[in-house]
């Protein structure tokens, strides 16, 4: 949750557990993405989402992916 908040994920994504209501990116509560997809998107980006591989460590990416999956039941 800490990485989700500090990396600015909430500015684009909706995730109820984090109190996030962003509307630029997918609503993560509805999408319920699997961990592999979150890791790929956070690492490499896609469309409007930039890659975060230069800003977050591999451990932070794994942590945020695990958090999103846990929070959404993905």
N, C-alpha and C. Protein backbone atom coordinates (compact mmCIF):
# COMPACT_ATOMS: atom_id res chain seq x y z
N UNK A 1 0.83 -1.19 0.00
CA UNK A 1 0.00 0.00 0.00
C UNK A 1 0.88 1.26 0.00
N UNK A 2 1.98 1.17 0.72
CA UNK A 2 2.91 2.30 0.79
C UNK A 2 3.44 2.66 -0.60
N UNK A 3 3.83 1.65 -1.37
CA UNK A 3 4.35 1.91 -2.72
C UNK A 3 3.25 2.46 -3.62
N UNK A 4 2.05 1.91 -3.52
CA UNK A 4 0.91 2.38 -4.32
C UNK A 4 0.71 3.88 -4.09
N UNK A 5 0.76 4.27 -2.84
CA UNK A 5 0.54 5.68 -2.49
C UNK A 5 1.73 6.56 -2.87
N UNK A 6 2.94 6.11 -2.57
CA UNK A 6 4.12 6.96 -2.81
C UNK A 6 4.48 7.07 -4.29
N UNK A 7 4.14 6.08 -5.10
CA UNK A 7 4.46 6.12 -6.52
C UNK A 7 3.43 6.90 -7.34
N UNK A 8 2.35 7.30 -6.69
CA UNK A 8 1.34 8.10 -7.39
C UNK A 8 0.29 7.30 -8.13
N UNK A 9 0.18 6.03 -7.84
CA UNK A 9 -0.79 5.17 -8.53
C UNK A 9 -2.22 5.68 -8.37
N UNK A 10 -2.50 6.25 -7.19
CA UNK A 10 -3.85 6.72 -6.88
C UNK A 10 -4.30 7.87 -7.77
N UNK A 11 -3.35 8.59 -8.37
CA UNK A 11 -3.75 9.72 -9.21
C UNK A 11 -4.41 9.25 -10.51
N UNK A 12 -4.17 8.00 -10.90
CA UNK A 12 -4.74 7.48 -12.15
C UNK A 12 -5.70 6.31 -11.96
N UNK A 13 -5.55 5.57 -10.87
CA UNK A 13 -6.33 4.35 -10.68
C UNK A 13 -7.29 4.44 -9.50
N UNK A 14 -8.42 3.75 -9.63
CA UNK A 14 -9.35 3.57 -8.51
C UNK A 14 -8.98 2.27 -7.81
N UNK A 15 -8.84 2.36 -6.49
CA UNK A 15 -8.60 1.19 -5.65
C UNK A 15 -9.16 1.53 -4.27
N UNK A 16 -10.27 0.92 -3.93
CA UNK A 16 -10.99 1.26 -2.70
C UNK A 16 -10.11 1.13 -1.46
N UNK A 17 -9.32 0.07 -1.37
CA UNK A 17 -8.50 -0.16 -0.19
C UNK A 17 -7.53 0.99 0.08
N UNK A 18 -7.10 1.65 -0.98
CA UNK A 18 -6.16 2.77 -0.85
C UNK A 18 -6.87 4.11 -0.83
N UNK A 19 -8.19 4.10 -0.93
CA UNK A 19 -8.94 5.35 -0.98
C UNK A 19 -8.70 6.11 -2.27
N UNK A 20 -8.32 5.38 -3.32
CA UNK A 20 -7.96 5.99 -4.61
C UNK A 20 -9.17 6.02 -5.54
N UNK A 21 -9.35 7.16 -6.21
CA UNK A 21 -10.49 7.32 -7.11
C UNK A 21 -10.09 7.88 -8.47
N UNK A 22 -8.86 7.59 -8.90
CA UNK A 22 -8.40 8.06 -10.20
C UNK A 22 -9.21 7.46 -11.33
N UNK A 23 -9.32 8.22 -12.43
CA UNK A 23 -10.13 7.75 -13.56
C UNK A 23 -9.36 7.69 -14.87
N UNK A 24 -8.06 7.93 -14.84
CA UNK A 24 -7.25 7.90 -16.07
C UNK A 24 -6.98 6.45 -16.48
N UNK A 25 -6.55 5.65 -15.52
CA UNK A 25 -6.24 4.24 -15.78
C UNK A 25 -7.39 3.35 -15.39
N UNK A 26 -7.23 2.06 -15.59
CA UNK A 26 -8.29 1.10 -15.24
C UNK A 26 -8.65 1.16 -13.76
N UNK A 27 -9.93 0.90 -13.47
CA UNK A 27 -10.41 0.74 -12.10
C UNK A 27 -9.92 -0.64 -11.66
N UNK A 28 -8.98 -0.66 -10.73
CA UNK A 28 -8.36 -1.92 -10.33
C UNK A 28 -9.32 -2.80 -9.55
N UNK A 29 -10.28 -2.20 -8.85
CA UNK A 29 -11.28 -2.99 -8.13
C UNK A 29 -12.11 -3.81 -9.11
N UNK A 30 -12.42 -3.24 -10.26
CA UNK A 30 -13.21 -3.94 -11.28
C UNK A 30 -12.35 -4.89 -12.10
N UNK A 31 -11.13 -4.47 -12.43
CA UNK A 31 -10.26 -5.28 -13.30
C UNK A 31 -9.74 -6.53 -12.60
N UNK A 32 -9.49 -6.43 -11.28
CA UNK A 32 -8.94 -7.55 -10.52
C UNK A 32 -7.78 -8.23 -11.26
N UNK A 33 -6.73 -7.46 -11.59
CA UNK A 33 -5.65 -8.01 -12.40
C UNK A 33 -4.82 -9.06 -11.66
N UNK A 34 -4.33 -10.06 -12.39
CA UNK A 34 -3.43 -11.04 -11.78
C UNK A 34 -2.06 -10.41 -11.53
N UNK A 35 -1.30 -10.98 -10.62
CA UNK A 35 -0.01 -10.42 -10.22
C UNK A 35 0.93 -10.24 -11.41
N UNK A 36 0.95 -11.20 -12.32
CA UNK A 36 1.86 -11.11 -13.47
C UNK A 36 1.56 -9.89 -14.33
N UNK A 37 0.28 -9.58 -14.51
CA UNK A 37 -0.12 -8.44 -15.32
C UNK A 37 0.28 -7.13 -14.63
N UNK A 38 0.08 -7.05 -13.32
CA UNK A 38 0.46 -5.83 -12.59
C UNK A 38 1.97 -5.62 -12.69
N UNK A 39 2.74 -6.67 -12.47
CA UNK A 39 4.20 -6.56 -12.56
C UNK A 39 4.61 -6.07 -13.95
N UNK A 40 4.02 -6.65 -14.99
CA UNK A 40 4.36 -6.25 -16.36
C UNK A 40 4.01 -4.79 -16.63
N UNK A 41 2.81 -4.38 -16.27
CA UNK A 41 2.36 -3.00 -16.54
C UNK A 41 3.16 -1.97 -15.74
N UNK A 42 3.43 -2.26 -14.47
CA UNK A 42 4.19 -1.32 -13.65
C UNK A 42 5.63 -1.25 -14.16
N UNK A 43 6.19 -2.38 -14.56
CA UNK A 43 7.57 -2.41 -15.05
C UNK A 43 7.71 -1.74 -16.41
N UNK A 44 6.84 -2.11 -17.36
CA UNK A 44 7.00 -1.70 -18.74
C UNK A 44 6.06 -0.61 -19.23
N UNK A 45 4.99 -0.36 -18.47
CA UNK A 45 3.99 0.61 -18.90
C UNK A 45 3.19 0.09 -20.08
N UNK A 46 2.16 0.84 -20.47
CA UNK A 46 1.37 0.52 -21.65
C UNK A 46 0.38 1.65 -21.87
N UNK A 47 0.24 2.09 -23.10
CA UNK A 47 -0.68 3.17 -23.39
C UNK A 47 -0.27 4.42 -22.63
N UNK A 48 -1.21 4.99 -21.88
CA UNK A 48 -0.95 6.21 -21.12
C UNK A 48 -0.10 5.97 -19.87
N UNK A 49 0.02 4.71 -19.46
CA UNK A 49 0.79 4.42 -18.25
C UNK A 49 2.28 4.33 -18.57
N UNK A 50 3.08 5.14 -17.88
CA UNK A 50 4.52 5.09 -18.11
C UNK A 50 5.15 3.90 -17.39
N UNK A 51 6.32 3.46 -17.84
CA UNK A 51 7.03 2.41 -17.11
C UNK A 51 7.61 2.97 -15.82
N UNK A 52 7.59 2.17 -14.79
CA UNK A 52 8.14 2.59 -13.50
C UNK A 52 9.42 1.85 -13.16
N UNK A 53 9.96 1.09 -14.12
CA UNK A 53 11.17 0.30 -13.85
C UNK A 53 12.35 1.18 -13.46
N UNK A 54 12.39 2.43 -13.90
CA UNK A 54 13.48 3.32 -13.54
C UNK A 54 13.27 4.04 -12.23
N UNK A 55 12.04 3.99 -11.71
CA UNK A 55 11.71 4.71 -10.48
C UNK A 55 11.54 3.78 -9.29
N UNK A 56 11.09 2.55 -9.54
CA UNK A 56 10.84 1.59 -8.48
C UNK A 56 11.78 0.40 -8.62
N UNK A 57 12.21 -0.15 -7.50
CA UNK A 57 13.04 -1.36 -7.53
C UNK A 57 12.17 -2.55 -7.87
N UNK A 58 12.80 -3.65 -8.24
CA UNK A 58 12.06 -4.88 -8.52
C UNK A 58 11.25 -5.30 -7.30
N UNK A 59 11.82 -5.11 -6.11
CA UNK A 59 11.10 -5.47 -4.89
C UNK A 59 9.87 -4.59 -4.69
N UNK A 60 10.00 -3.29 -4.96
CA UNK A 60 8.85 -2.39 -4.83
C UNK A 60 7.76 -2.75 -5.84
N UNK A 61 8.16 -3.12 -7.05
CA UNK A 61 7.18 -3.52 -8.07
C UNK A 61 6.47 -4.79 -7.63
N UNK A 62 7.21 -5.76 -7.12
CA UNK A 62 6.60 -6.99 -6.61
C UNK A 62 5.65 -6.68 -5.44
N UNK A 63 6.07 -5.75 -4.58
CA UNK A 63 5.24 -5.39 -3.43
C UNK A 63 3.94 -4.73 -3.86
N UNK A 64 4.01 -3.79 -4.80
CA UNK A 64 2.79 -3.10 -5.23
C UNK A 64 1.87 -4.07 -5.97
N UNK A 65 2.45 -4.99 -6.74
CA UNK A 65 1.64 -5.99 -7.44
C UNK A 65 0.93 -6.89 -6.44
N UNK A 66 1.65 -7.35 -5.43
CA UNK A 66 1.03 -8.21 -4.40
C UNK A 66 -0.06 -7.46 -3.67
N UNK A 67 0.16 -6.18 -3.41
CA UNK A 67 -0.86 -5.38 -2.73
C UNK A 67 -2.12 -5.23 -3.59
N UNK A 68 -1.95 -4.90 -4.85
CA UNK A 68 -3.11 -4.72 -5.73
C UNK A 68 -3.92 -6.02 -5.83
N UNK A 69 -3.23 -7.14 -6.00
CA UNK A 69 -3.92 -8.43 -6.10
C UNK A 69 -4.63 -8.76 -4.79
N UNK A 70 -3.97 -8.53 -3.68
CA UNK A 70 -4.57 -8.80 -2.37
C UNK A 70 -5.79 -7.90 -2.13
N UNK A 71 -5.67 -6.63 -2.49
CA UNK A 71 -6.74 -5.67 -2.24
C UNK A 71 -7.95 -5.88 -3.14
N UNK A 72 -7.72 -6.49 -4.31
CA UNK A 72 -8.82 -6.66 -5.27
C UNK A 72 -9.32 -8.09 -5.37
N UNK A 73 -8.58 -9.03 -4.79
CA UNK A 73 -8.95 -10.43 -4.93
C UNK A 73 -8.66 -10.94 -6.34
N UNK A 74 -7.73 -10.28 -7.02
CA UNK A 74 -7.39 -10.62 -8.42
C UNK A 74 -6.61 -11.89 -8.54
